[in-house]
Amino acid sequence: MTTTVVSKELLPETAANVTRFITHCGGGPEVSEKYEGEGFSSDLIRSVLKVQHIHRGRVTCILTVKPYVCNAYNTFHGGAVGSIAEMVAIACARTVVKTDKELFLGELSISYLAAAVSQAEVIVDASIVRSGRNLTVVAIEFKLKDSERLNYLCRATFYNMPVASL
C-alpha cells in the first residue's frame, strides 16, 4: 500500500478535503478483483445502450442511466458519456466509411449541458457532419427521452486510414 505525500505548502485541511472528495467519488486504494477483468468497463457501457435506428449517416440509440454508470451525485458519469459518444460515433461513421479503412479517433469534444439522473432514458443521436476520403466528423446529441432536453453535445473526428496489407 502506498502512502499519500502532501506538499508542505498545502494546508492539512485542504489535503483532507481532497482525500474525502476522491473517496466520496468512489476512489480508494484497492480495486476489487471482480472489476479487473478484461473488457469489464466496455461490457458495463454496452449494457446500458440499445440500438433503435440505423440509417446511412445516422444512428439512434436509447440509453438507460443505470446506477453503476453514475457518479457520486447520482447522475450519468462524464467518462461514461465519453465512452458512449465514441462508441455511437464509430457506429455512425461505419455507415459511410468502407470497411477497408480503419477509423482512428483524433478528437472527441463533449459539452456537459445538464446532468442525466439515474434511471433516466436518454436518446443518443449520431449523425455525419462531414465524411471525406481521409476524415469523418460525427455530431452526437444526448437528449432526455421524455422532455427532449439536450444534456450532452459531442463531436468526434476520425481519421480514415487504409488497412495495412502485410
N, C-alpha and C. Protein backbone atom coordinates (compact mmCIF):
# COMPACT_ATOMS: atom_id res chain seq x y z
N MET A 1 0.85 -1.18 0.00
CA MET A 1 0.00 0.00 0.00
C MET A 1 0.89 1.24 0.00
N THR A 2 0.54 2.23 -0.82
CA THR A 2 1.32 3.45 -0.89
C THR A 2 0.76 4.50 0.07
N THR A 3 1.65 5.38 0.52
CA THR A 3 1.27 6.46 1.41
C THR A 3 1.13 7.73 0.60
N THR A 4 0.12 8.54 0.92
CA THR A 4 -0.09 9.80 0.23
C THR A 4 0.94 10.81 0.70
N VAL A 5 1.59 11.46 -0.24
CA VAL A 5 2.55 12.51 0.07
C VAL A 5 1.86 13.84 -0.16
N VAL A 6 1.85 14.71 0.86
CA VAL A 6 1.19 16.00 0.78
C VAL A 6 2.26 17.09 0.84
N SER A 7 2.18 18.03 -0.08
CA SER A 7 3.12 19.15 -0.12
C SER A 7 3.07 19.94 1.18
N LYS A 8 4.23 20.43 1.62
CA LYS A 8 4.30 21.23 2.84
C LYS A 8 3.61 22.58 2.68
N GLU A 9 3.47 23.06 1.43
CA GLU A 9 2.80 24.33 1.18
C GLU A 9 1.28 24.23 1.28
N LEU A 10 0.75 23.02 1.27
CA LEU A 10 -0.69 22.79 1.29
C LEU A 10 -1.19 22.67 2.72
N LEU A 11 -2.30 23.33 3.01
CA LEU A 11 -2.89 23.22 4.34
C LEU A 11 -3.41 21.81 4.56
N PRO A 12 -3.24 21.26 5.79
CA PRO A 12 -3.71 19.90 6.07
C PRO A 12 -5.21 19.72 5.81
N GLU A 13 -6.03 20.74 6.11
CA GLU A 13 -7.48 20.59 5.88
C GLU A 13 -7.81 20.54 4.39
N THR A 14 -6.99 21.19 3.56
CA THR A 14 -7.19 21.11 2.10
C THR A 14 -6.91 19.69 1.62
N ALA A 15 -5.82 19.10 2.10
CA ALA A 15 -5.49 17.72 1.73
C ALA A 15 -6.59 16.77 2.19
N ALA A 16 -7.12 16.99 3.39
CA ALA A 16 -8.19 16.13 3.91
C ALA A 16 -9.45 16.27 3.07
N ASN A 17 -9.77 17.50 2.64
CA ASN A 17 -10.95 17.72 1.78
C ASN A 17 -10.80 17.02 0.44
N VAL A 18 -9.61 17.09 -0.14
CA VAL A 18 -9.37 16.42 -1.43
C VAL A 18 -9.50 14.92 -1.27
N THR A 19 -8.91 14.37 -0.23
CA THR A 19 -8.99 12.92 0.02
C THR A 19 -10.44 12.50 0.23
N ARG A 20 -11.19 13.27 1.02
CA ARG A 20 -12.60 12.95 1.26
C ARG A 20 -13.40 12.99 -0.04
N PHE A 21 -13.14 13.99 -0.88
CA PHE A 21 -13.85 14.10 -2.16
C PHE A 21 -13.57 12.88 -3.05
N ILE A 22 -12.31 12.50 -3.17
CA ILE A 22 -11.95 11.35 -4.02
C ILE A 22 -12.57 10.07 -3.48
N THR A 23 -12.57 9.89 -2.17
CA THR A 23 -13.19 8.71 -1.57
C THR A 23 -14.70 8.73 -1.82
N HIS A 24 -15.32 9.90 -1.68
CA HIS A 24 -16.77 10.05 -1.91
C HIS A 24 -17.13 9.69 -3.36
N CYS A 25 -16.24 10.00 -4.30
CA CYS A 25 -16.49 9.71 -5.72
C CYS A 25 -16.19 8.26 -6.08
N GLY A 26 -15.79 7.46 -5.12
CA GLY A 26 -15.54 6.04 -5.40
C GLY A 26 -14.08 5.68 -5.49
N GLY A 27 -13.20 6.64 -5.30
CA GLY A 27 -11.76 6.37 -5.34
C GLY A 27 -11.30 5.72 -4.05
N GLY A 28 -10.25 4.99 -4.15
CA GLY A 28 -9.70 4.33 -2.97
C GLY A 28 -8.45 3.58 -3.33
N PRO A 29 -7.81 3.00 -2.34
CA PRO A 29 -6.54 2.34 -2.60
C PRO A 29 -6.66 0.99 -3.31
N GLU A 30 -7.78 0.32 -3.19
CA GLU A 30 -7.91 -1.03 -3.73
C GLU A 30 -9.07 -1.11 -4.73
N VAL A 31 -8.88 -1.90 -5.78
CA VAL A 31 -9.95 -2.19 -6.74
C VAL A 31 -10.27 -3.68 -6.60
N SER A 32 -11.53 -3.98 -6.40
CA SER A 32 -11.94 -5.37 -6.24
C SER A 32 -11.57 -6.18 -7.48
N GLU A 33 -11.18 -7.42 -7.27
CA GLU A 33 -10.79 -8.30 -8.38
C GLU A 33 -11.92 -8.49 -9.38
N LYS A 34 -13.17 -8.43 -8.93
CA LYS A 34 -14.29 -8.62 -9.86
C LYS A 34 -14.37 -7.50 -10.90
N TYR A 35 -13.70 -6.36 -10.64
CA TYR A 35 -13.71 -5.25 -11.58
C TYR A 35 -12.46 -5.19 -12.45
N GLU A 36 -11.56 -6.15 -12.31
CA GLU A 36 -10.30 -6.10 -13.04
C GLU A 36 -10.27 -6.98 -14.28
N GLY A 37 -11.38 -7.62 -14.63
CA GLY A 37 -11.40 -8.48 -15.81
C GLY A 37 -11.29 -7.68 -17.09
N GLU A 38 -10.74 -8.31 -18.11
CA GLU A 38 -10.58 -7.65 -19.41
C GLU A 38 -11.95 -7.35 -20.00
N GLY A 39 -12.13 -6.12 -20.47
CA GLY A 39 -13.38 -5.73 -21.10
C GLY A 39 -14.51 -5.42 -20.14
N PHE A 40 -14.22 -5.41 -18.84
CA PHE A 40 -15.28 -5.20 -17.85
C PHE A 40 -16.00 -3.88 -18.06
N SER A 41 -15.24 -2.79 -18.22
CA SER A 41 -15.89 -1.48 -18.36
C SER A 41 -16.64 -1.38 -19.68
N SER A 42 -16.13 -1.96 -20.75
CA SER A 42 -16.85 -1.94 -22.04
C SER A 42 -18.16 -2.68 -21.94
N ASP A 43 -18.18 -3.80 -21.21
CA ASP A 43 -19.42 -4.55 -21.04
C ASP A 43 -20.44 -3.73 -20.26
N LEU A 44 -19.98 -2.99 -19.24
CA LEU A 44 -20.89 -2.14 -18.47
C LEU A 44 -21.53 -1.09 -19.36
N ILE A 45 -20.71 -0.44 -20.17
CA ILE A 45 -21.21 0.62 -21.04
C ILE A 45 -22.17 0.05 -22.09
N ARG A 46 -21.81 -1.06 -22.70
CA ARG A 46 -22.68 -1.65 -23.72
C ARG A 46 -24.02 -2.08 -23.15
N SER A 47 -24.05 -2.44 -21.87
CA SER A 47 -25.28 -2.96 -21.27
C SER A 47 -26.35 -1.89 -21.09
N VAL A 48 -26.00 -0.61 -21.15
CA VAL A 48 -27.00 0.45 -20.98
C VAL A 48 -27.50 1.00 -22.30
N LEU A 49 -26.99 0.51 -23.42
CA LEU A 49 -27.26 1.08 -24.73
C LEU A 49 -28.00 0.08 -25.63
N LYS A 50 -29.09 0.53 -26.23
CA LYS A 50 -29.86 -0.30 -27.17
C LYS A 50 -30.04 0.48 -28.47
N VAL A 51 -29.70 -0.15 -29.59
CA VAL A 51 -29.82 0.50 -30.90
C VAL A 51 -31.29 0.59 -31.28
N GLN A 52 -31.70 1.78 -31.72
CA GLN A 52 -33.08 2.00 -32.14
C GLN A 52 -33.22 2.09 -33.66
N HIS A 53 -32.36 2.92 -34.31
CA HIS A 53 -32.41 3.09 -35.76
C HIS A 53 -31.00 3.15 -36.33
N ILE A 54 -30.85 2.59 -37.53
CA ILE A 54 -29.59 2.70 -38.27
C ILE A 54 -29.95 3.09 -39.70
N HIS A 55 -29.42 4.22 -40.13
CA HIS A 55 -29.59 4.71 -41.50
C HIS A 55 -28.22 5.14 -42.00
N ARG A 56 -28.09 5.34 -43.29
CA ARG A 56 -26.82 5.85 -43.82
C ARG A 56 -26.57 7.23 -43.23
N GLY A 57 -25.47 7.37 -42.51
CA GLY A 57 -25.09 8.65 -41.92
C GLY A 57 -25.79 9.00 -40.63
N ARG A 58 -26.53 8.06 -40.05
CA ARG A 58 -27.26 8.35 -38.81
C ARG A 58 -27.52 7.08 -38.00
N VAL A 59 -27.26 7.16 -36.69
CA VAL A 59 -27.53 6.06 -35.77
C VAL A 59 -28.21 6.65 -34.54
N THR A 60 -29.31 6.01 -34.10
CA THR A 60 -30.02 6.45 -32.91
C THR A 60 -30.11 5.29 -31.93
N CYS A 61 -29.80 5.57 -30.67
CA CYS A 61 -29.85 4.56 -29.61
C CYS A 61 -30.64 5.11 -28.43
N ILE A 62 -31.13 4.19 -27.60
CA ILE A 62 -31.77 4.54 -26.33
C ILE A 62 -30.82 4.08 -25.23
N LEU A 63 -30.57 4.97 -24.30
CA LEU A 63 -29.66 4.69 -23.20
C LEU A 63 -30.44 4.80 -21.90
N THR A 64 -30.28 3.84 -21.01
CA THR A 64 -30.88 3.92 -19.69
C THR A 64 -29.75 4.15 -18.69
N VAL A 65 -29.84 5.23 -17.93
CA VAL A 65 -28.80 5.58 -16.97
C VAL A 65 -28.95 4.67 -15.75
N LYS A 66 -28.14 3.63 -15.69
CA LYS A 66 -28.16 2.68 -14.58
C LYS A 66 -27.28 3.19 -13.45
N PRO A 67 -27.54 2.79 -12.22
CA PRO A 67 -26.74 3.26 -11.08
C PRO A 67 -25.25 2.98 -11.21
N TYR A 68 -24.87 1.90 -11.88
CA TYR A 68 -23.45 1.57 -11.99
C TYR A 68 -22.70 2.43 -13.00
N VAL A 69 -23.38 3.31 -13.74
CA VAL A 69 -22.69 4.27 -14.61
C VAL A 69 -22.93 5.70 -14.12
N CYS A 70 -23.28 5.82 -12.84
CA CYS A 70 -23.50 7.13 -12.23
C CYS A 70 -22.31 7.52 -11.36
N ASN A 71 -22.15 8.82 -11.18
CA ASN A 71 -21.10 9.34 -10.31
C ASN A 71 -21.62 9.48 -8.88
N ALA A 72 -20.85 10.12 -8.03
CA ALA A 72 -21.22 10.28 -6.62
C ALA A 72 -22.47 11.15 -6.45
N TYR A 73 -22.83 11.92 -7.48
CA TYR A 73 -24.01 12.78 -7.41
C TYR A 73 -25.26 12.10 -7.98
N ASN A 74 -25.15 10.81 -8.27
CA ASN A 74 -26.24 10.00 -8.80
C ASN A 74 -26.71 10.49 -10.18
N THR A 75 -25.74 11.00 -10.95
CA THR A 75 -26.01 11.41 -12.33
C THR A 75 -25.03 10.68 -13.24
N PHE A 76 -25.33 10.66 -14.52
CA PHE A 76 -24.54 9.94 -15.52
C PHE A 76 -23.09 10.41 -15.48
N HIS A 77 -22.18 9.48 -15.31
CA HIS A 77 -20.75 9.79 -15.17
C HIS A 77 -20.20 10.35 -16.48
N GLY A 78 -19.41 11.40 -16.38
CA GLY A 78 -18.84 12.05 -17.55
C GLY A 78 -18.00 11.12 -18.40
N GLY A 79 -17.27 10.21 -17.78
CA GLY A 79 -16.46 9.25 -18.53
C GLY A 79 -17.34 8.28 -19.32
N ALA A 80 -18.48 7.92 -18.75
CA ALA A 80 -19.42 7.05 -19.46
C ALA A 80 -20.02 7.78 -20.66
N VAL A 81 -20.28 9.08 -20.49
CA VAL A 81 -20.77 9.89 -21.62
C VAL A 81 -19.76 9.82 -22.76
N GLY A 82 -18.49 10.03 -22.45
CA GLY A 82 -17.44 9.99 -23.46
C GLY A 82 -17.32 8.63 -24.13
N SER A 83 -17.39 7.58 -23.33
CA SER A 83 -17.27 6.23 -23.87
C SER A 83 -18.42 5.91 -24.82
N ILE A 84 -19.63 6.27 -24.44
CA ILE A 84 -20.79 6.01 -25.28
C ILE A 84 -20.76 6.90 -26.52
N ALA A 85 -20.34 8.15 -26.36
CA ALA A 85 -20.24 9.04 -27.52
C ALA A 85 -19.28 8.46 -28.55
N GLU A 86 -18.14 7.96 -28.09
CA GLU A 86 -17.17 7.36 -29.02
C GLU A 86 -17.75 6.13 -29.70
N MET A 87 -18.39 5.26 -28.92
CA MET A 87 -18.95 4.02 -29.46
C MET A 87 -20.01 4.29 -30.52
N VAL A 88 -20.93 5.20 -30.23
CA VAL A 88 -22.01 5.50 -31.17
C VAL A 88 -21.47 6.25 -32.39
N ALA A 89 -20.46 7.11 -32.18
CA ALA A 89 -19.85 7.83 -33.31
C ALA A 89 -19.16 6.86 -34.26
N ILE A 90 -18.47 5.86 -33.73
CA ILE A 90 -17.82 4.85 -34.58
C ILE A 90 -18.89 4.11 -35.39
N ALA A 91 -19.97 3.72 -34.72
CA ALA A 91 -21.05 3.01 -35.42
C ALA A 91 -21.63 3.87 -36.53
N CYS A 92 -21.82 5.15 -36.25
CA CYS A 92 -22.36 6.06 -37.26
C CYS A 92 -21.37 6.23 -38.42
N ALA A 93 -20.11 6.41 -38.11
CA ALA A 93 -19.09 6.57 -39.16
C ALA A 93 -19.03 5.34 -40.04
N ARG A 94 -19.22 4.17 -39.45
CA ARG A 94 -19.17 2.92 -40.22
C ARG A 94 -20.30 2.83 -41.24
N THR A 95 -21.35 3.63 -41.10
CA THR A 95 -22.43 3.60 -42.09
C THR A 95 -22.03 4.27 -43.39
N VAL A 96 -20.93 5.06 -43.37
CA VAL A 96 -20.49 5.75 -44.59
C VAL A 96 -19.05 5.44 -44.98
N VAL A 97 -18.22 4.98 -44.03
CA VAL A 97 -16.82 4.67 -44.32
C VAL A 97 -16.70 3.19 -44.64
N LYS A 98 -16.09 2.87 -45.77
CA LYS A 98 -15.94 1.48 -46.18
C LYS A 98 -15.12 0.70 -45.16
N THR A 99 -15.41 -0.60 -45.09
CA THR A 99 -14.72 -1.45 -44.11
C THR A 99 -13.26 -1.70 -44.46
N ASP A 100 -12.81 -1.27 -45.64
CA ASP A 100 -11.40 -1.43 -45.98
C ASP A 100 -10.55 -0.32 -45.35
N LYS A 101 -11.18 0.54 -44.55
CA LYS A 101 -10.47 1.61 -43.87
C LYS A 101 -10.64 1.48 -42.35
N GLU A 102 -9.53 1.71 -41.64
CA GLU A 102 -9.56 1.75 -40.18
C GLU A 102 -9.99 3.14 -39.76
N LEU A 103 -10.69 3.23 -38.64
CA LEU A 103 -11.07 4.53 -38.07
C LEU A 103 -10.23 4.78 -36.83
N PHE A 104 -9.59 5.95 -36.77
CA PHE A 104 -8.80 6.33 -35.61
C PHE A 104 -9.38 7.62 -35.04
N LEU A 105 -9.73 7.60 -33.78
CA LEU A 105 -10.29 8.78 -33.14
C LEU A 105 -9.21 9.83 -32.97
N GLY A 106 -9.41 10.98 -33.59
CA GLY A 106 -8.44 12.06 -33.49
C GLY A 106 -8.84 13.09 -32.44
N GLU A 107 -10.14 13.27 -32.27
CA GLU A 107 -10.62 14.26 -31.30
C GLU A 107 -12.03 13.90 -30.87
N LEU A 108 -12.31 14.12 -29.59
CA LEU A 108 -13.65 13.95 -29.06
C LEU A 108 -13.91 15.12 -28.12
N SER A 109 -14.89 15.95 -28.46
CA SER A 109 -15.24 17.06 -27.58
C SER A 109 -16.64 16.82 -27.02
N ILE A 110 -16.81 17.19 -25.75
CA ILE A 110 -18.09 16.98 -25.08
C ILE A 110 -18.47 18.25 -24.34
N SER A 111 -19.69 18.71 -24.57
CA SER A 111 -20.25 19.81 -23.78
C SER A 111 -21.26 19.19 -22.82
N TYR A 112 -20.98 19.34 -21.53
CA TYR A 112 -21.87 18.82 -20.49
C TYR A 112 -22.86 19.94 -20.15
N LEU A 113 -24.05 19.88 -20.72
CA LEU A 113 -25.03 20.96 -20.59
C LEU A 113 -25.96 20.78 -19.40
N ALA A 114 -26.36 19.54 -19.12
CA ALA A 114 -27.24 19.24 -18.00
C ALA A 114 -27.02 17.77 -17.63
N ALA A 115 -27.19 17.45 -16.38
CA ALA A 115 -26.96 16.08 -15.91
C ALA A 115 -28.18 15.20 -16.17
N ALA A 116 -27.92 13.96 -16.52
CA ALA A 116 -28.98 12.95 -16.65
C ALA A 116 -28.96 12.11 -15.37
N VAL A 117 -30.07 12.05 -14.67
CA VAL A 117 -30.13 11.37 -13.38
C VAL A 117 -30.28 9.86 -13.57
N SER A 118 -30.02 9.14 -12.51
CA SER A 118 -30.14 7.68 -12.52
C SER A 118 -31.55 7.27 -12.96
N GLN A 119 -31.62 6.25 -13.78
CA GLN A 119 -32.84 5.65 -14.33
C GLN A 119 -33.47 6.47 -15.45
N ALA A 120 -32.88 7.60 -15.83
CA ALA A 120 -33.42 8.38 -16.94
C ALA A 120 -33.19 7.64 -18.25
N GLU A 121 -34.11 7.82 -19.17
CA GLU A 121 -33.92 7.29 -20.52
C GLU A 121 -33.46 8.44 -21.40
N VAL A 122 -32.41 8.19 -22.16
CA VAL A 122 -31.77 9.21 -22.98
C VAL A 122 -31.70 8.74 -24.42
N ILE A 123 -32.05 9.61 -25.36
CA ILE A 123 -31.90 9.32 -26.78
C ILE A 123 -30.51 9.79 -27.19
N VAL A 124 -29.73 8.89 -27.77
CA VAL A 124 -28.40 9.22 -28.27
C VAL A 124 -28.49 9.20 -29.79
N ASP A 125 -28.32 10.36 -30.38
CA ASP A 125 -28.50 10.50 -31.82
C ASP A 125 -27.19 10.97 -32.45
N ALA A 126 -26.62 10.15 -33.33
CA ALA A 126 -25.36 10.49 -34.00
C ALA A 126 -25.64 10.69 -35.48
N SER A 127 -25.00 11.72 -36.04
CA SER A 127 -25.16 11.97 -37.47
C SER A 127 -23.85 12.49 -38.05
N ILE A 128 -23.63 12.16 -39.31
CA ILE A 128 -22.41 12.56 -40.01
C ILE A 128 -22.49 14.06 -40.32
N VAL A 129 -21.45 14.78 -39.92
CA VAL A 129 -21.33 16.19 -40.26
C VAL A 129 -20.62 16.31 -41.60
N ARG A 130 -19.54 15.54 -41.74
CA ARG A 130 -18.75 15.53 -42.97
C ARG A 130 -18.00 14.22 -43.04
N SER A 131 -17.93 13.67 -44.24
CA SER A 131 -17.13 12.48 -44.45
C SER A 131 -16.45 12.57 -45.80
N GLY A 132 -15.13 12.48 -45.76
CA GLY A 132 -14.36 12.52 -46.99
C GLY A 132 -13.46 11.32 -47.09
N ARG A 133 -12.46 11.43 -47.94
CA ARG A 133 -11.55 10.30 -48.15
C ARG A 133 -10.73 9.98 -46.90
N ASN A 134 -10.28 11.02 -46.17
CA ASN A 134 -9.37 10.81 -45.05
C ASN A 134 -9.94 11.20 -43.69
N LEU A 135 -11.10 11.83 -43.64
CA LEU A 135 -11.61 12.38 -42.40
C LEU A 135 -13.11 12.21 -42.32
N THR A 136 -13.61 11.87 -41.14
CA THR A 136 -15.04 11.79 -40.90
C THR A 136 -15.35 12.50 -39.59
N VAL A 137 -16.35 13.39 -39.60
CA VAL A 137 -16.76 14.12 -38.41
C VAL A 137 -18.19 13.72 -38.08
N VAL A 138 -18.44 13.39 -36.81
CA VAL A 138 -19.75 12.94 -36.36
C VAL A 138 -20.22 13.83 -35.21
N ALA A 139 -21.47 14.27 -35.23
CA ALA A 139 -22.09 15.01 -34.13
C ALA A 139 -22.98 14.03 -33.36
N ILE A 140 -22.90 14.10 -32.03
CA ILE A 140 -23.69 13.21 -31.18
C ILE A 140 -24.45 14.05 -30.17
N GLU A 141 -25.76 13.85 -30.10
CA GLU A 141 -26.60 14.54 -29.13
C GLU A 141 -27.18 13.54 -28.14
N PHE A 142 -27.18 13.90 -26.87
CA PHE A 142 -27.82 13.12 -25.82
C PHE A 142 -29.00 13.95 -25.32
N LYS A 143 -30.25 13.48 -25.54
CA LYS A 143 -31.44 14.20 -25.10
C LYS A 143 -32.29 13.29 -24.22
N LEU A 144 -32.90 13.87 -23.19
CA LEU A 144 -33.83 13.10 -22.37
C LEU A 144 -35.01 12.66 -23.23
N LYS A 145 -35.39 11.41 -23.08
CA LYS A 145 -36.45 10.85 -23.93
C LYS A 145 -37.80 11.53 -23.68
N ASP A 146 -38.14 11.79 -22.42
CA ASP A 146 -39.47 12.33 -22.13
C ASP A 146 -39.61 13.81 -22.46
N SER A 147 -38.58 14.62 -22.24
CA SER A 147 -38.70 16.06 -22.46
C SER A 147 -37.91 16.57 -23.67
N GLU A 148 -37.07 15.72 -24.24
CA GLU A 148 -36.17 16.08 -25.35
C GLU A 148 -35.20 17.20 -24.97
N ARG A 149 -34.93 17.35 -23.69
CA ARG A 149 -33.96 18.33 -23.20
C ARG A 149 -32.55 17.86 -23.56
N LEU A 150 -31.76 18.75 -24.13
CA LEU A 150 -30.39 18.42 -24.53
C LEU A 150 -29.49 18.38 -23.30
N ASN A 151 -28.86 17.22 -23.06
CA ASN A 151 -27.98 17.05 -21.91
C ASN A 151 -26.50 17.16 -22.26
N TYR A 152 -26.10 16.47 -23.32
CA TYR A 152 -24.69 16.45 -23.71
C TYR A 152 -24.63 16.62 -25.23
N LEU A 153 -23.64 17.38 -25.66
CA LEU A 153 -23.43 17.60 -27.09
C LEU A 153 -21.98 17.25 -27.39
N CYS A 154 -21.77 16.36 -28.34
CA CYS A 154 -20.43 15.84 -28.61
C CYS A 154 -20.11 15.94 -30.10
N ARG A 155 -18.82 15.96 -30.38
CA ARG A 155 -18.34 15.93 -31.75
C ARG A 155 -17.09 15.05 -31.78
N ALA A 156 -17.08 14.10 -32.69
CA ALA A 156 -15.95 13.18 -32.85
C ALA A 156 -15.36 13.32 -34.24
N THR A 157 -14.04 13.39 -34.29
CA THR A 157 -13.32 13.46 -35.57
C THR A 157 -12.51 12.19 -35.72
N PHE A 158 -12.70 11.50 -36.84
CA PHE A 158 -11.99 10.25 -37.11
C PHE A 158 -11.09 10.42 -38.33
N TYR A 159 -9.93 9.79 -38.26
CA TYR A 159 -9.06 9.69 -39.42
C TYR A 159 -9.34 8.36 -40.07
N ASN A 160 -9.60 8.36 -41.37
CA ASN A 160 -9.87 7.14 -42.14
C ASN A 160 -8.56 6.69 -42.78
N MET A 161 -8.05 5.56 -42.34
CA MET A 161 -6.77 5.08 -42.85
C MET A 161 -6.95 3.74 -43.53
N PRO A 162 -6.28 3.51 -44.66
CA PRO A 162 -6.37 2.20 -45.31
C PRO A 162 -5.82 1.11 -44.38
N VAL A 163 -6.46 -0.04 -44.41
CA VAL A 163 -5.98 -1.18 -43.62
C VAL A 163 -4.65 -1.64 -44.21
N ALA A 164 -3.66 -1.83 -43.34
CA ALA A 164 -2.34 -2.26 -43.80
C ALA A 164 -2.42 -3.68 -44.35
N SER A 165 -1.76 -3.88 -45.48
CA SER A 165 -1.70 -5.24 -46.05
C SER A 165 -0.27 -5.75 -45.90
N LEU A 166 -0.12 -6.79 -45.12
CA LEU A 166 1.22 -7.34 -44.86
C LEU A 166 1.44 -8.62 -45.62
